[in-house]
N, C-alpha and C. Protein backbone atom coordinates (compact mmCIF):
# COMPACT_ATOMS: atom_id res chain seq x y z
N ASP A 1 0.83 -1.18 0.00
CA ASP A 1 0.00 0.00 0.00
C ASP A 1 0.88 1.25 0.00
N PHE A 2 0.26 2.39 -0.09
CA PHE A 2 0.98 3.65 -0.23
C PHE A 2 1.85 3.95 0.99
N HIS A 3 1.32 3.73 2.18
CA HIS A 3 2.07 4.01 3.40
C HIS A 3 3.34 3.17 3.49
N SER A 4 3.24 1.87 3.20
CA SER A 4 4.43 1.02 3.27
C SER A 4 5.43 1.38 2.18
N SER A 5 4.94 1.85 1.04
CA SER A 5 5.85 2.29 -0.03
C SER A 5 6.65 3.50 0.42
N LEU A 6 5.98 4.45 1.09
CA LEU A 6 6.70 5.63 1.59
C LEU A 6 7.69 5.24 2.68
N LYS A 7 7.33 4.29 3.53
CA LYS A 7 8.27 3.82 4.55
C LYS A 7 9.50 3.20 3.89
N PHE A 8 9.30 2.44 2.82
CA PHE A 8 10.42 1.84 2.11
C PHE A 8 11.32 2.92 1.52
N VAL A 9 10.73 3.92 0.88
CA VAL A 9 11.52 5.01 0.29
C VAL A 9 12.32 5.72 1.37
N ALA A 10 11.70 5.94 2.53
CA ALA A 10 12.40 6.60 3.64
C ALA A 10 13.56 5.76 4.15
N SER A 11 13.49 4.44 4.00
CA SER A 11 14.56 3.57 4.49
C SER A 11 15.71 3.42 3.50
N LEU A 12 15.55 3.91 2.28
CA LEU A 12 16.59 3.74 1.26
C LEU A 12 17.95 4.31 1.66
N PRO A 13 18.03 5.52 2.24
CA PRO A 13 19.37 6.02 2.63
C PRO A 13 20.10 5.09 3.59
N ALA A 14 19.40 4.52 4.57
CA ALA A 14 20.03 3.59 5.50
C ALA A 14 20.45 2.31 4.79
N LEU A 15 19.65 1.86 3.85
CA LEU A 15 19.98 0.66 3.08
C LEU A 15 21.23 0.90 2.23
N ILE A 16 21.32 2.06 1.61
CA ILE A 16 22.50 2.40 0.81
C ILE A 16 23.74 2.49 1.70
N ASP A 17 23.60 3.11 2.87
CA ASP A 17 24.72 3.18 3.82
C ASP A 17 25.19 1.78 4.21
N SER A 18 24.26 0.89 4.46
CA SER A 18 24.60 -0.48 4.84
C SER A 18 25.35 -1.20 3.71
N ILE A 19 24.90 -1.01 2.50
CA ILE A 19 25.58 -1.62 1.34
C ILE A 19 27.01 -1.10 1.23
N GLU A 20 27.17 0.22 1.39
CA GLU A 20 28.50 0.82 1.27
C GLU A 20 29.40 0.43 2.44
N GLN A 21 28.84 0.28 3.64
CA GLN A 21 29.63 -0.15 4.79
C GLN A 21 30.13 -1.58 4.63
N ASP A 22 29.42 -2.37 3.84
CA ASP A 22 29.86 -3.73 3.55
C ASP A 22 30.93 -3.77 2.47
N GLY A 23 31.36 -2.59 2.00
CA GLY A 23 32.44 -2.51 1.03
C GLY A 23 32.01 -2.50 -0.42
N HIS A 24 30.73 -2.35 -0.66
CA HIS A 24 30.23 -2.31 -2.03
C HIS A 24 29.97 -0.88 -2.46
N THR A 25 30.08 -0.64 -3.75
CA THR A 25 29.80 0.69 -4.28
C THR A 25 28.34 0.74 -4.73
N CYS A 26 27.67 1.80 -4.36
CA CYS A 26 26.27 1.99 -4.76
C CYS A 26 26.21 3.30 -5.54
N ASN A 27 26.01 3.19 -6.83
CA ASN A 27 25.99 4.37 -7.70
C ASN A 27 24.56 4.77 -8.03
N LEU A 28 23.79 5.05 -7.02
CA LEU A 28 22.41 5.44 -7.21
C LEU A 28 22.34 6.88 -7.71
N ILE A 29 21.75 7.06 -8.86
CA ILE A 29 21.61 8.40 -9.43
C ILE A 29 20.33 9.06 -8.92
N GLY A 30 19.28 8.29 -8.77
CA GLY A 30 18.02 8.85 -8.32
C GLY A 30 16.95 7.78 -8.21
N ASN A 31 15.81 8.17 -7.72
CA ASN A 31 14.65 7.28 -7.62
C ASN A 31 13.56 7.82 -8.53
N VAL A 32 12.83 6.92 -9.13
CA VAL A 32 11.70 7.30 -9.97
C VAL A 32 10.47 6.64 -9.39
N GLY A 33 9.49 7.43 -9.04
CA GLY A 33 8.26 6.90 -8.48
C GLY A 33 7.25 6.58 -9.57
N PHE A 34 6.39 5.63 -9.29
CA PHE A 34 5.29 5.32 -10.20
C PHE A 34 4.13 4.75 -9.40
N MET A 35 2.99 4.73 -10.01
CA MET A 35 1.80 4.20 -9.35
C MET A 35 1.23 3.06 -10.18
N SER A 36 0.69 2.10 -9.51
CA SER A 36 -0.06 1.03 -10.18
C SER A 36 -1.45 1.02 -9.55
N LYS A 37 -2.23 1.96 -9.97
CA LYS A 37 -3.54 2.16 -9.35
C LYS A 37 -4.61 2.36 -10.40
N ILE A 38 -5.83 2.45 -9.93
CA ILE A 38 -6.96 2.76 -10.79
C ILE A 38 -7.16 4.26 -10.71
N LEU A 39 -6.94 4.95 -11.81
CA LEU A 39 -6.94 6.41 -11.77
C LEU A 39 -8.31 7.04 -11.60
N ASN A 40 -9.37 6.30 -11.81
CA ASN A 40 -10.68 6.92 -11.66
C ASN A 40 -11.22 6.85 -10.24
N LYS A 41 -10.43 6.35 -9.30
CA LYS A 41 -10.84 6.32 -7.90
C LYS A 41 -10.21 7.51 -7.19
N SER A 42 -11.01 8.20 -6.39
CA SER A 42 -10.54 9.45 -5.77
C SER A 42 -9.37 9.21 -4.81
N ASP A 43 -9.40 8.14 -4.01
CA ASP A 43 -8.29 7.91 -3.07
C ASP A 43 -6.99 7.61 -3.80
N HIS A 44 -7.08 6.99 -4.97
CA HIS A 44 -5.87 6.72 -5.75
C HIS A 44 -5.33 8.01 -6.36
N LYS A 45 -6.22 8.91 -6.74
CA LYS A 45 -5.78 10.22 -7.26
C LYS A 45 -5.06 11.00 -6.16
N ILE A 46 -5.57 10.91 -4.94
CA ILE A 46 -4.93 11.59 -3.81
C ILE A 46 -3.55 11.00 -3.56
N CYS A 47 -3.44 9.68 -3.59
CA CYS A 47 -2.13 9.02 -3.40
C CYS A 47 -1.16 9.44 -4.50
N HIS A 48 -1.64 9.54 -5.73
CA HIS A 48 -0.78 9.95 -6.84
C HIS A 48 -0.27 11.37 -6.61
N SER A 49 -1.14 12.26 -6.16
CA SER A 49 -0.73 13.64 -5.87
C SER A 49 0.29 13.68 -4.74
N GLN A 50 0.07 12.88 -3.71
CA GLN A 50 1.02 12.85 -2.59
C GLN A 50 2.36 12.27 -3.03
N ALA A 51 2.32 11.26 -3.87
CA ALA A 51 3.57 10.69 -4.38
C ALA A 51 4.33 11.72 -5.21
N LYS A 52 3.62 12.54 -5.96
CA LYS A 52 4.28 13.60 -6.74
C LYS A 52 4.95 14.60 -5.81
N GLU A 53 4.36 14.83 -4.63
CA GLU A 53 5.00 15.71 -3.65
C GLU A 53 6.30 15.10 -3.15
N VAL A 54 6.33 13.79 -2.96
CA VAL A 54 7.53 13.10 -2.46
C VAL A 54 8.60 13.04 -3.54
N PHE A 55 8.23 12.60 -4.74
CA PHE A 55 9.20 12.37 -5.80
C PHE A 55 9.42 13.59 -6.69
N GLY A 56 8.54 14.57 -6.64
CA GLY A 56 8.69 15.76 -7.48
C GLY A 56 8.77 15.41 -8.94
N ALA A 57 9.78 15.94 -9.60
CA ALA A 57 9.95 15.71 -11.04
C ALA A 57 10.32 14.26 -11.35
N ASP A 58 10.68 13.49 -10.33
CA ASP A 58 11.05 12.09 -10.54
C ASP A 58 9.86 11.14 -10.46
N MET A 59 8.67 11.69 -10.55
CA MET A 59 7.46 10.87 -10.55
C MET A 59 7.00 10.69 -11.98
N LEU A 60 6.87 9.45 -12.41
CA LEU A 60 6.38 9.19 -13.76
C LEU A 60 4.93 9.64 -13.88
N ASP A 61 4.60 10.26 -14.99
CA ASP A 61 3.21 10.60 -15.24
C ASP A 61 2.44 9.38 -15.70
N MET A 62 3.14 8.42 -16.25
CA MET A 62 2.52 7.17 -16.72
C MET A 62 2.24 6.28 -15.51
N VAL A 63 1.10 5.64 -15.52
CA VAL A 63 0.77 4.68 -14.46
C VAL A 63 0.66 3.29 -15.06
N LEU A 64 0.79 2.31 -14.23
CA LEU A 64 0.58 0.93 -14.65
C LEU A 64 -0.80 0.54 -14.12
N PRO A 65 -1.81 0.56 -14.98
CA PRO A 65 -3.18 0.35 -14.51
C PRO A 65 -3.43 -1.09 -14.09
N ARG A 66 -4.42 -1.25 -13.25
CA ARG A 66 -4.83 -2.60 -12.84
C ARG A 66 -5.83 -3.09 -13.87
N LEU A 67 -5.39 -3.96 -14.73
CA LEU A 67 -6.23 -4.50 -15.79
C LEU A 67 -6.40 -6.00 -15.61
N ASP A 68 -7.48 -6.52 -16.14
CA ASP A 68 -7.78 -7.95 -16.02
C ASP A 68 -6.66 -8.82 -16.60
N GLY A 69 -6.05 -8.35 -17.68
CA GLY A 69 -4.97 -9.12 -18.30
C GLY A 69 -3.81 -9.36 -17.35
N PHE A 70 -3.47 -8.37 -16.53
CA PHE A 70 -2.39 -8.53 -15.55
C PHE A 70 -2.80 -9.55 -14.48
N GLU A 71 -4.04 -9.45 -14.02
CA GLU A 71 -4.52 -10.35 -12.97
C GLU A 71 -4.50 -11.80 -13.43
N ARG A 72 -5.01 -12.05 -14.62
CA ARG A 72 -5.08 -13.43 -15.12
C ARG A 72 -3.69 -14.00 -15.38
N CYS A 73 -2.80 -13.19 -15.91
CA CYS A 73 -1.43 -13.68 -16.15
C CYS A 73 -0.72 -13.98 -14.84
N GLY A 74 -1.01 -13.21 -13.82
CA GLY A 74 -0.41 -13.45 -12.52
C GLY A 74 -0.82 -14.80 -11.94
N GLU A 75 -2.03 -15.23 -12.28
CA GLU A 75 -2.52 -16.52 -11.79
C GLU A 75 -1.74 -17.69 -12.38
N THR A 76 -1.22 -17.53 -13.60
CA THR A 76 -0.50 -18.62 -14.28
C THR A 76 1.01 -18.39 -14.32
N PHE A 77 1.46 -17.33 -13.67
CA PHE A 77 2.88 -16.96 -13.62
C PHE A 77 3.44 -16.61 -14.99
N ASP A 78 2.56 -16.22 -15.91
CA ASP A 78 2.99 -15.66 -17.19
C ASP A 78 3.09 -14.16 -17.04
N THR A 79 3.55 -13.51 -18.08
CA THR A 79 3.46 -12.05 -18.16
C THR A 79 2.58 -11.73 -19.34
N VAL A 80 2.10 -10.50 -19.41
CA VAL A 80 1.27 -10.13 -20.56
C VAL A 80 2.09 -10.12 -21.83
N ILE A 81 3.40 -10.04 -21.71
CA ILE A 81 4.29 -10.07 -22.88
C ILE A 81 4.50 -11.51 -23.34
N SER A 82 4.69 -12.43 -22.38
CA SER A 82 5.02 -13.81 -22.75
C SER A 82 3.80 -14.72 -22.93
N ALA A 83 2.65 -14.29 -22.46
CA ALA A 83 1.46 -15.16 -22.54
C ALA A 83 1.08 -15.43 -23.98
N ASN A 84 0.76 -16.67 -24.25
CA ASN A 84 0.32 -17.08 -25.58
C ASN A 84 -1.17 -16.80 -25.70
N PRO A 85 -1.58 -15.92 -26.62
CA PRO A 85 -3.01 -15.60 -26.75
C PRO A 85 -3.88 -16.83 -27.02
N ALA A 86 -3.31 -17.85 -27.66
CA ALA A 86 -4.08 -19.06 -27.97
C ALA A 86 -4.43 -19.86 -26.72
N THR A 87 -3.59 -19.79 -25.70
CA THR A 87 -3.84 -20.56 -24.48
C THR A 87 -4.20 -19.67 -23.29
N TYR A 88 -4.29 -18.37 -23.52
CA TYR A 88 -4.61 -17.41 -22.46
C TYR A 88 -6.05 -17.64 -22.00
N ASP A 89 -6.25 -17.74 -20.70
CA ASP A 89 -7.58 -18.01 -20.14
C ASP A 89 -8.30 -16.69 -19.86
N GLY A 90 -8.75 -16.06 -20.92
CA GLY A 90 -9.45 -14.79 -20.78
C GLY A 90 -9.62 -14.15 -22.14
N SER A 91 -10.12 -12.94 -22.12
CA SER A 91 -10.37 -12.20 -23.35
C SER A 91 -9.06 -11.81 -24.03
N THR A 92 -8.99 -12.05 -25.33
CA THR A 92 -7.81 -11.65 -26.10
C THR A 92 -7.64 -10.14 -26.06
N GLU A 93 -8.76 -9.41 -26.06
CA GLU A 93 -8.69 -7.95 -25.98
C GLU A 93 -8.11 -7.50 -24.64
N ALA A 94 -8.47 -8.18 -23.56
CA ALA A 94 -7.93 -7.84 -22.24
C ALA A 94 -6.42 -8.05 -22.23
N LEU A 95 -5.97 -9.14 -22.84
CA LEU A 95 -4.53 -9.40 -22.92
C LEU A 95 -3.83 -8.34 -23.76
N LYS A 96 -4.43 -7.97 -24.88
CA LYS A 96 -3.84 -6.93 -25.74
C LYS A 96 -3.76 -5.60 -25.01
N SER A 97 -4.82 -5.25 -24.28
CA SER A 97 -4.84 -3.98 -23.53
C SER A 97 -3.75 -3.96 -22.47
N ALA A 98 -3.60 -5.06 -21.75
CA ALA A 98 -2.58 -5.13 -20.71
C ALA A 98 -1.18 -5.09 -21.31
N LYS A 99 -0.98 -5.78 -22.43
CA LYS A 99 0.32 -5.76 -23.09
C LYS A 99 0.65 -4.36 -23.57
N SER A 100 -0.32 -3.68 -24.14
CA SER A 100 -0.10 -2.31 -24.61
C SER A 100 0.23 -1.38 -23.44
N ALA A 101 -0.48 -1.54 -22.31
CA ALA A 101 -0.21 -0.73 -21.13
C ALA A 101 1.20 -1.00 -20.60
N ALA A 102 1.62 -2.26 -20.59
CA ALA A 102 2.97 -2.62 -20.13
C ALA A 102 4.03 -2.02 -21.04
N GLU A 103 3.80 -2.06 -22.34
CA GLU A 103 4.76 -1.48 -23.29
C GLU A 103 4.84 0.03 -23.13
N ASP A 104 3.69 0.70 -22.97
CA ASP A 104 3.68 2.15 -22.76
C ASP A 104 4.41 2.52 -21.47
N PHE A 105 4.18 1.73 -20.42
CA PHE A 105 4.84 1.99 -19.14
C PHE A 105 6.34 1.79 -19.26
N ALA A 106 6.76 0.70 -19.92
CA ALA A 106 8.19 0.43 -20.10
C ALA A 106 8.86 1.56 -20.88
N LYS A 107 8.19 2.06 -21.91
CA LYS A 107 8.75 3.17 -22.68
C LYS A 107 8.92 4.40 -21.80
N ALA A 108 7.93 4.69 -20.96
CA ALA A 108 8.03 5.84 -20.06
C ALA A 108 9.20 5.68 -19.09
N VAL A 109 9.39 4.46 -18.58
CA VAL A 109 10.51 4.20 -17.66
C VAL A 109 11.84 4.43 -18.36
N PHE A 110 12.00 3.85 -19.55
CA PHE A 110 13.27 4.00 -20.26
C PHE A 110 13.50 5.43 -20.73
N ASP A 111 12.44 6.14 -21.11
CA ASP A 111 12.58 7.55 -21.45
C ASP A 111 13.07 8.35 -20.24
N ARG A 112 12.54 8.03 -19.06
CA ARG A 112 12.94 8.73 -17.84
C ARG A 112 14.40 8.41 -17.49
N ILE A 113 14.79 7.15 -17.62
CA ILE A 113 16.17 6.76 -17.37
C ILE A 113 17.11 7.50 -18.31
N GLU A 114 16.75 7.55 -19.57
CA GLU A 114 17.59 8.26 -20.55
C GLU A 114 17.68 9.74 -20.21
N PHE A 115 16.58 10.34 -19.78
CA PHE A 115 16.60 11.74 -19.38
C PHE A 115 17.54 11.96 -18.20
N ILE A 116 17.47 11.08 -17.21
CA ILE A 116 18.33 11.19 -16.03
C ILE A 116 19.80 11.03 -16.43
N ARG A 117 20.09 10.04 -17.27
CA ARG A 117 21.48 9.82 -17.72
C ARG A 117 22.00 11.02 -18.49
N THR A 118 21.18 11.55 -19.38
CA THR A 118 21.60 12.67 -20.23
C THR A 118 21.83 13.93 -19.41
N ASN A 119 21.04 14.12 -18.36
CA ASN A 119 21.13 15.34 -17.57
C ASN A 119 21.90 15.16 -16.27
N GLY A 120 22.69 14.12 -16.17
CA GLY A 120 23.55 13.92 -15.01
C GLY A 120 22.81 13.71 -13.70
N GLY A 121 21.68 13.03 -13.76
CA GLY A 121 20.95 12.73 -12.52
C GLY A 121 19.99 13.81 -12.10
N MET A 122 19.76 14.77 -12.93
CA MET A 122 18.86 15.86 -12.55
C MET A 122 17.44 15.51 -12.91
C-alpha cells in the first residue's frame, strides 16, 4: 500500500549506507516513483498527488493500470508479454490492452532513465 511504499523510500538512505559499509559501491543516481492504481478512484488520485509531492519531477506521469490481463497472467505466472493468446484463459482484448499498457509503461521508464542519464541525474 501507499504508506508502506513511503516507509520503504524513507529507508533507502540507511539501506545504501549499509551496502557501502559492507564494502560495495552503490551508484544510485536517483529514484523514480510510479503508481499502479486505478486512476478513476478518488483515493488513488490523492495518493498519486502525494507521491508527486515526495518524488517531485522524478514521478512518472505514466501509471501501470490494474487490468484484467495482468490479474489473469499473474494466476498462471505468465506475463502479458510472454502469454500465448491461444492458451490465455481470458479475453484476447484484455490481454492486448494489458500488453499495450505494459509497453507504454516500459517506454516511459526507459525515457525517464535516458533523461536522467543525459542530464547527469537531474
